[in-house]
C-alpha atoms as a PDB file:
ATOM      1  CA  MET A   1     -35.813  33.190 102.152  1.00  0.00           C
ATOM      2  CA  SER A   2     -33.850  31.319  99.729  1.00  0.00           C
ATOM      3  CA  GLY A   3     -30.793  30.243 100.957  1.00  0.00           C
ATOM      4  CA  PRO A   4     -28.738  26.765 100.942  1.00  0.00           C
ATOM      5  CA  GLY A   5     -31.681  24.807 102.887  1.00  0.00           C
ATOM      6  CA  ASN A   6     -33.976  25.543 100.346  1.00  0.00           C
ATOM      7  CA  ARG A   7     -32.170  24.698  97.597  1.00  0.00           C
ATOM      8  CA  VAL A   8     -31.406  21.039  99.111  1.00  0.00           C
ATOM      9  CA  ARG A   9     -34.997  20.889  99.942  1.00  0.00           C
ATOM     10  CA  LEU A  10     -35.911  20.756  96.373  1.00  0.00           C
ATOM     11  CA  LEU A  11     -32.805  18.898  95.251  1.00  0.00           C
ATOM     12  CA  VAL A  12     -34.246  15.778  97.865  1.00  0.00           C
ATOM     13  CA  PRO A  13     -37.297  15.202  95.958  1.00  0.00           C
ATOM     14  CA  ALA A  14     -35.795  15.835  92.751  1.00  0.00           C
ATOM     15  CA  VAL A  15     -33.698  12.658  92.845  1.00  0.00           C
ATOM     16  CA  PRO A  16     -36.311  10.454  92.948  1.00  0.00           C
ATOM     17  CA  ALA A  17     -38.201  12.122  90.458  1.00  0.00           C
ATOM     18  CA  ALA A  18     -35.427  11.697  88.168  1.00  0.00           C
ATOM     19  CA  TRP A  19     -34.805   8.023  88.945  1.00  0.00           C
ATOM     20  CA  LEU A  20     -38.784   7.243  88.215  1.00  0.00           C
ATOM     21  CA  VAL A  21     -38.324   9.539  84.598  1.00  0.00           C
ATOM     22  CA  VAL A  22     -35.177   7.799  83.581  1.00  0.00           C
ATOM     23  CA  PHE A  23     -36.226   4.044  84.916  1.00  0.00           C
ATOM     24  CA  PHE A  24     -40.011   4.527  84.432  1.00  0.00           C
ATOM     25  CA  LEU A  25     -41.162   7.017  82.065  1.00  0.00           C
ATOM     26  CA  LEU A  26     -38.649   7.013  79.504  1.00  0.00           C
ATOM     27  CA  PRO A  27     -38.845   3.070  78.745  1.00  0.00           C
ATOM     28  CA  LEU A  28     -42.719   3.328  78.924  1.00  0.00           C
ATOM     29  CA  VAL A  29     -42.775   6.318  76.475  1.00  0.00           C
ATOM     30  CA  ILE A  30     -40.345   3.997  74.353  1.00  0.00           C
ATOM     31  CA  VAL A  31     -42.531   0.909  74.226  1.00  0.00           C
ATOM     32  CA  LEU A  32     -45.610   3.214  73.127  1.00  0.00           C
ATOM     33  CA  ARG A  33     -43.589   4.740  70.314  1.00  0.00           C
ATOM     34  CA  ILE A  34     -42.727   1.178  69.048  1.00  0.00           C
ATOM     35  CA  SER A  35     -46.119  -0.020  69.884  1.00  0.00           C
ATOM     36  CA  LEU A  36     -47.783   2.651  67.203  1.00  0.00           C
ATOM     37  CA  SER A  37     -45.371   1.933  64.695  1.00  0.00           C
ATOM     38  CA  GLU A  38     -45.365  -0.413  62.031  1.00  0.00           C
ATOM     39  CA  SER A  39     -42.764  -3.073  62.090  1.00  0.00           C
ATOM     40  CA  VAL A  40     -40.252  -3.414  59.219  1.00  0.00           C
ATOM     41  CA  LEU A  41     -37.127  -5.706  58.655  1.00  0.00           C
ATOM     42  CA  ALA A  42     -34.535  -3.009  59.427  1.00  0.00           C
ATOM     43  CA  THR A  43     -32.413  -1.356  62.051  1.00  0.00           C
ATOM     44  CA  PRO A  44     -34.308  -0.317  64.026  1.00  0.00           C
ATOM     45  CA  PRO A  45     -37.240  -2.939  63.538  1.00  0.00           C
ATOM     46  CA  TYR A  46     -40.152  -0.264  63.184  1.00  0.00           C
ATOM     47  CA  THR A  47     -41.036   3.009  61.009  1.00  0.00           C
ATOM     48  CA  PRO A  48     -40.721   6.581  62.550  1.00  0.00           C
ATOM     49  CA  LEU A  49     -43.789   7.755  63.766  1.00  0.00           C
ATOM     50  CA  ILE A  50     -43.409  11.601  62.706  1.00  0.00           C
ATOM     51  CA  GLY A  51     -42.242  11.714  58.787  1.00  0.00           C
ATOM     52  CA  VAL A  52     -41.980  14.184  55.977  1.00  0.00           C
ATOM     53  CA  ALA A  53     -45.199  14.708  53.983  1.00  0.00           C
ATOM     54  CA  PRO A  54     -44.933  15.097  50.398  1.00  0.00           C
ATOM     55  CA  ASP A  55     -45.581  19.088  51.131  1.00  0.00           C
ATOM     56  CA  GLY A  56     -42.707  19.448  52.665  1.00  0.00           C
ATOM     57  CA  GLY A  57     -44.405  19.347  56.120  1.00  0.00           C
ATOM     58  CA  LEU A  58     -44.435  16.594  59.185  1.00  0.00           C
ATOM     59  CA  ALA A  59     -47.159  13.781  59.015  1.00  0.00           C
ATOM     60  CA  TRP A  60     -48.047  11.460  61.896  1.00  0.00           C
ATOM     61  CA  GLN A  61     -47.117   7.570  60.640  1.00  0.00           C
ATOM     62  CA  GLY A  62     -47.792   5.973  63.704  1.00  0.00           C
ATOM     63  CA  SER A  63     -51.225   3.333  63.799  1.00  0.00           C
ATOM     64  CA  ALA A  64     -53.138   1.450  66.476  1.00  0.00           C
ATOM     65  CA  GLY A  65     -52.914  -1.401  63.985  1.00  0.00           C
ATOM     66  CA  ASN A  66     -50.916  -3.222  66.455  1.00  0.00           C
ATOM     67  CA  TYR A  67     -53.267  -2.866  69.232  1.00  0.00           C
ATOM     68  CA  TRP A  68     -56.256  -3.705  66.844  1.00  0.00           C
ATOM     69  CA  PHE A  69     -54.504  -6.927  65.912  1.00  0.00           C
ATOM     70  CA  LEU A  70     -54.327  -7.903  69.828  1.00  0.00           C
ATOM     71  CA  ALA A  71     -57.885  -6.990  70.249  1.00  0.00           C
ATOM     72  CA  ALA A  72     -59.023  -9.241  66.908  1.00  0.00           C
ATOM     73  CA  ASP A  73     -56.884 -12.542  68.069  1.00  0.00           C
ATOM     74  CA  PRO A  74     -58.998 -14.431  70.130  1.00  0.00           C
ATOM     75  CA  LEU A  75     -55.911 -16.246  71.634  1.00  0.00           C
ATOM     76  CA  TYR A  76     -54.452 -12.649  72.644  1.00  0.00           C
ATOM     77  CA  LEU A  77     -57.824 -11.523  74.047  1.00  0.00           C
ATOM     78  CA  LYS A  78     -58.217 -14.562  76.421  1.00  0.00           C
ATOM     79  CA  ALA A  79     -54.762 -14.281  77.551  1.00  0.00           C
ATOM     80  CA  TYR A  80     -55.656 -10.574  78.355  1.00  0.00           C
ATOM     81  CA  LEU A  81     -58.933 -10.957  79.506  1.00  0.00           C
ATOM     82  CA  GLY A  82     -57.819 -13.683  82.115  1.00  0.00           C
ATOM     83  CA  SER A  83     -54.833 -11.522  83.452  1.00  0.00           C
ATOM     84  CA  LEU A  84     -57.356  -8.741  84.177  1.00  0.00           C
ATOM     85  CA  ARG A  85     -59.490 -11.472  86.086  1.00  0.00           C
ATOM     86  CA  ILE A  86     -56.763 -12.368  87.956  1.00  0.00           C
ATOM     87  CA  ALA A  87     -55.814  -8.966  89.087  1.00  0.00           C
ATOM     88  CA  ALA A  88     -59.190  -7.782  89.766  1.00  0.00           C
ATOM     89  CA  VAL A  89     -59.384 -11.043  92.085  1.00  0.00           C
ATOM     90  CA  ALA A  90     -55.988 -10.567  93.763  1.00  0.00           C
ATOM     91  CA  THR A  91     -56.970  -6.910  94.295  1.00  0.00           C
ATOM     92  CA  LEU A  92     -60.277  -7.894  95.941  1.00  0.00           C
ATOM     93  CA  ILE A  93     -58.619 -10.384  98.186  1.00  0.00           C
ATOM     94  CA  CYS A  94     -56.263  -8.100  99.333  1.00  0.00           C
ATOM     95  CA  LEU A  95     -58.858  -5.407  99.768  1.00  0.00           C
ATOM     96  CA  LEU A  96     -60.945  -8.104 101.888  1.00  0.00           C
ATOM     97  CA  ILE A  97     -57.942  -8.730 103.949  1.00  0.00           C
ATOM     98  CA  GLY A  98     -55.970  -5.263 104.174  1.00  0.00           C
ATOM     99  CA  TYR A  99     -58.934  -2.649 105.051  1.00  0.00           C
ATOM    100  CA  PRO A 100     -60.138  -4.825 108.334  1.00  0.00           C
ATOM    101  CA  MET A 101     -56.422  -5.129 109.299  1.00  0.00           C
ATOM    102  CA  ALA A 102     -55.673  -1.742 108.677  1.00  0.00           C
ATOM    103  CA  TYR A 103     -58.937  -0.733 110.951  1.00  0.00           C
ATOM    104  CA  ALA A 104     -57.771  -3.516 113.601  1.00  0.00           C
ATOM    105  CA  ILE A 105     -54.518  -1.812 114.101  1.00  0.00           C
ATOM    106  CA  ALA A 106     -55.937   2.055 113.980  1.00  0.00           C
ATOM    107  CA  ARG A 107     -58.214   1.134 116.770  1.00  0.00           C
ATOM    108  CA  ALA A 108     -55.640  -0.809 118.924  1.00  0.00           C
ATOM    109  CA  PRO A 109     -54.296   0.259 122.391  1.00  0.00           C
ATOM    110  CA  GLU A 110     -51.238   2.593 121.334  1.00  0.00           C
ATOM    111  CA  ALA A 111     -48.706   0.048 122.923  1.00  0.00           C
ATOM    112  CA  TRP A 112     -49.801  -2.964 120.627  1.00  0.00           C
ATOM    113  CA  ARG A 113     -49.626  -0.792 117.477  1.00  0.00           C
ATOM    114  CA  LEU A 114     -46.005  -1.012 116.715  1.00  0.00           C
ATOM    115  CA  ALA A 115     -45.824  -4.816 117.276  1.00  0.00           C
ATOM    116  CA  LEU A 116     -48.843  -5.112 114.833  1.00  0.00           C
ATOM    117  CA  VAL A 117     -47.304  -2.951 112.139  1.00  0.00           C
ATOM    118  CA  LEU A 118     -44.152  -5.011 112.563  1.00  0.00           C
ATOM    119  CA  LEU A 119     -45.761  -8.522 112.017  1.00  0.00           C
ATOM    120  CA  VAL A 120     -47.589  -6.931 108.856  1.00  0.00           C
ATOM    121  CA  VAL A 121     -44.194  -5.754 107.514  1.00  0.00           C
ATOM    122  CA  LEU A 122     -41.873  -8.865 108.557  1.00  0.00           C
ATOM    123  CA  PRO A 123     -42.754 -10.912 105.681  1.00  0.00           C
ATOM    124  CA  PHE A 124     -41.496  -8.025 103.108  1.00  0.00           C
ATOM    125  CA  TRP A 125     -38.032  -8.193 104.661  1.00  0.00           C
ATOM    126  CA  THR A 126     -37.348 -11.963 103.867  1.00  0.00           C
ATOM    127  CA  SER A 127     -35.928 -13.150 100.824  1.00  0.00           C
ATOM    128  CA  PHE A 128     -37.856 -14.907  98.131  1.00  0.00           C
ATOM    129  CA  LEU A 129     -35.896 -17.987  97.708  1.00  0.00           C
ATOM    130  CA  ILE A 130     -36.730 -18.193 102.164  1.00  0.00           C
ATOM    131  CA  ARG A 131     -40.214 -17.953 101.421  1.00  0.00           C
ATOM    132  CA  VAL A 132     -40.316 -20.568  98.665  1.00  0.00           C
ATOM    133  CA  TYR A 133     -38.523 -22.796 100.936  1.00  0.00           C
ATOM    134  CA  ALA A 134     -41.107 -22.181 103.683  1.00  0.00           C
ATOM    135  CA  TRP A 135     -44.073 -22.857 101.291  1.00  0.00           C
ATOM    136  CA  ILE A 136     -42.174 -26.126  99.962  1.00  0.00           C
ATOM    137  CA  GLY A 137     -42.104 -27.490 103.718  1.00  0.00           C
ATOM    138  CA  ILE A 138     -45.573 -26.602 104.185  1.00  0.00           C
ATOM    139  CA  LEU A 139     -47.020 -27.792 101.102  1.00  0.00           C
ATOM    140  CA  LYS A 140     -44.952 -31.207 100.580  1.00  0.00           C
ATOM    141  CA  PRO A 141     -46.773 -34.368 100.501  1.00  0.00           C
ATOM    142  CA  ASN A 142     -45.842 -35.149 104.127  1.00  0.00           C
ATOM    143  CA  GLY A 143     -45.812 -31.477 105.072  1.00  0.00           C
ATOM    144  CA  LEU A 144     -47.828 -29.019 107.583  1.00  0.00           C
ATOM    145  CA  ILE A 145     -50.997 -28.809 105.563  1.00  0.00           C
ATOM    146  CA  ASN A 146     -51.028 -32.445 105.139  1.00  0.00           C
ATOM    147  CA  ASN A 147     -50.572 -33.674 108.241  1.00  0.00           C
ATOM    148  CA  LEU A 148     -53.578 -31.917 109.524  1.00  0.00           C
END
């Protein structure tokens, strides 16, 4: 059965997929292309990845030199490894908090589950600015934490 209903069902996931391609994959490919190119003083400020070889064919002109530069420079390497460490610690903390919480919600009585999920999701509904003001109230010199 190939009616209009099937076309709509195929179109519904195509819209977010197209959104991801346009706003995530395409910029990622552009950044990857620039990172594999040599920088030059021109417009655009990088060399093309594929050029014409002396024999008239196509030749790969990209290089991983930019990545080797980042890996060889101690400043960039230290910053990169520090970022990886922070990401690993944050991931571990999220797993240590999230899995027991999810397990507890899954094991909770049916009547409590919706309320518990709402308590988990509710902070994501608040604005970032409101959360910052709340933290200021908690952490200021005469705030809640310092008065305990």
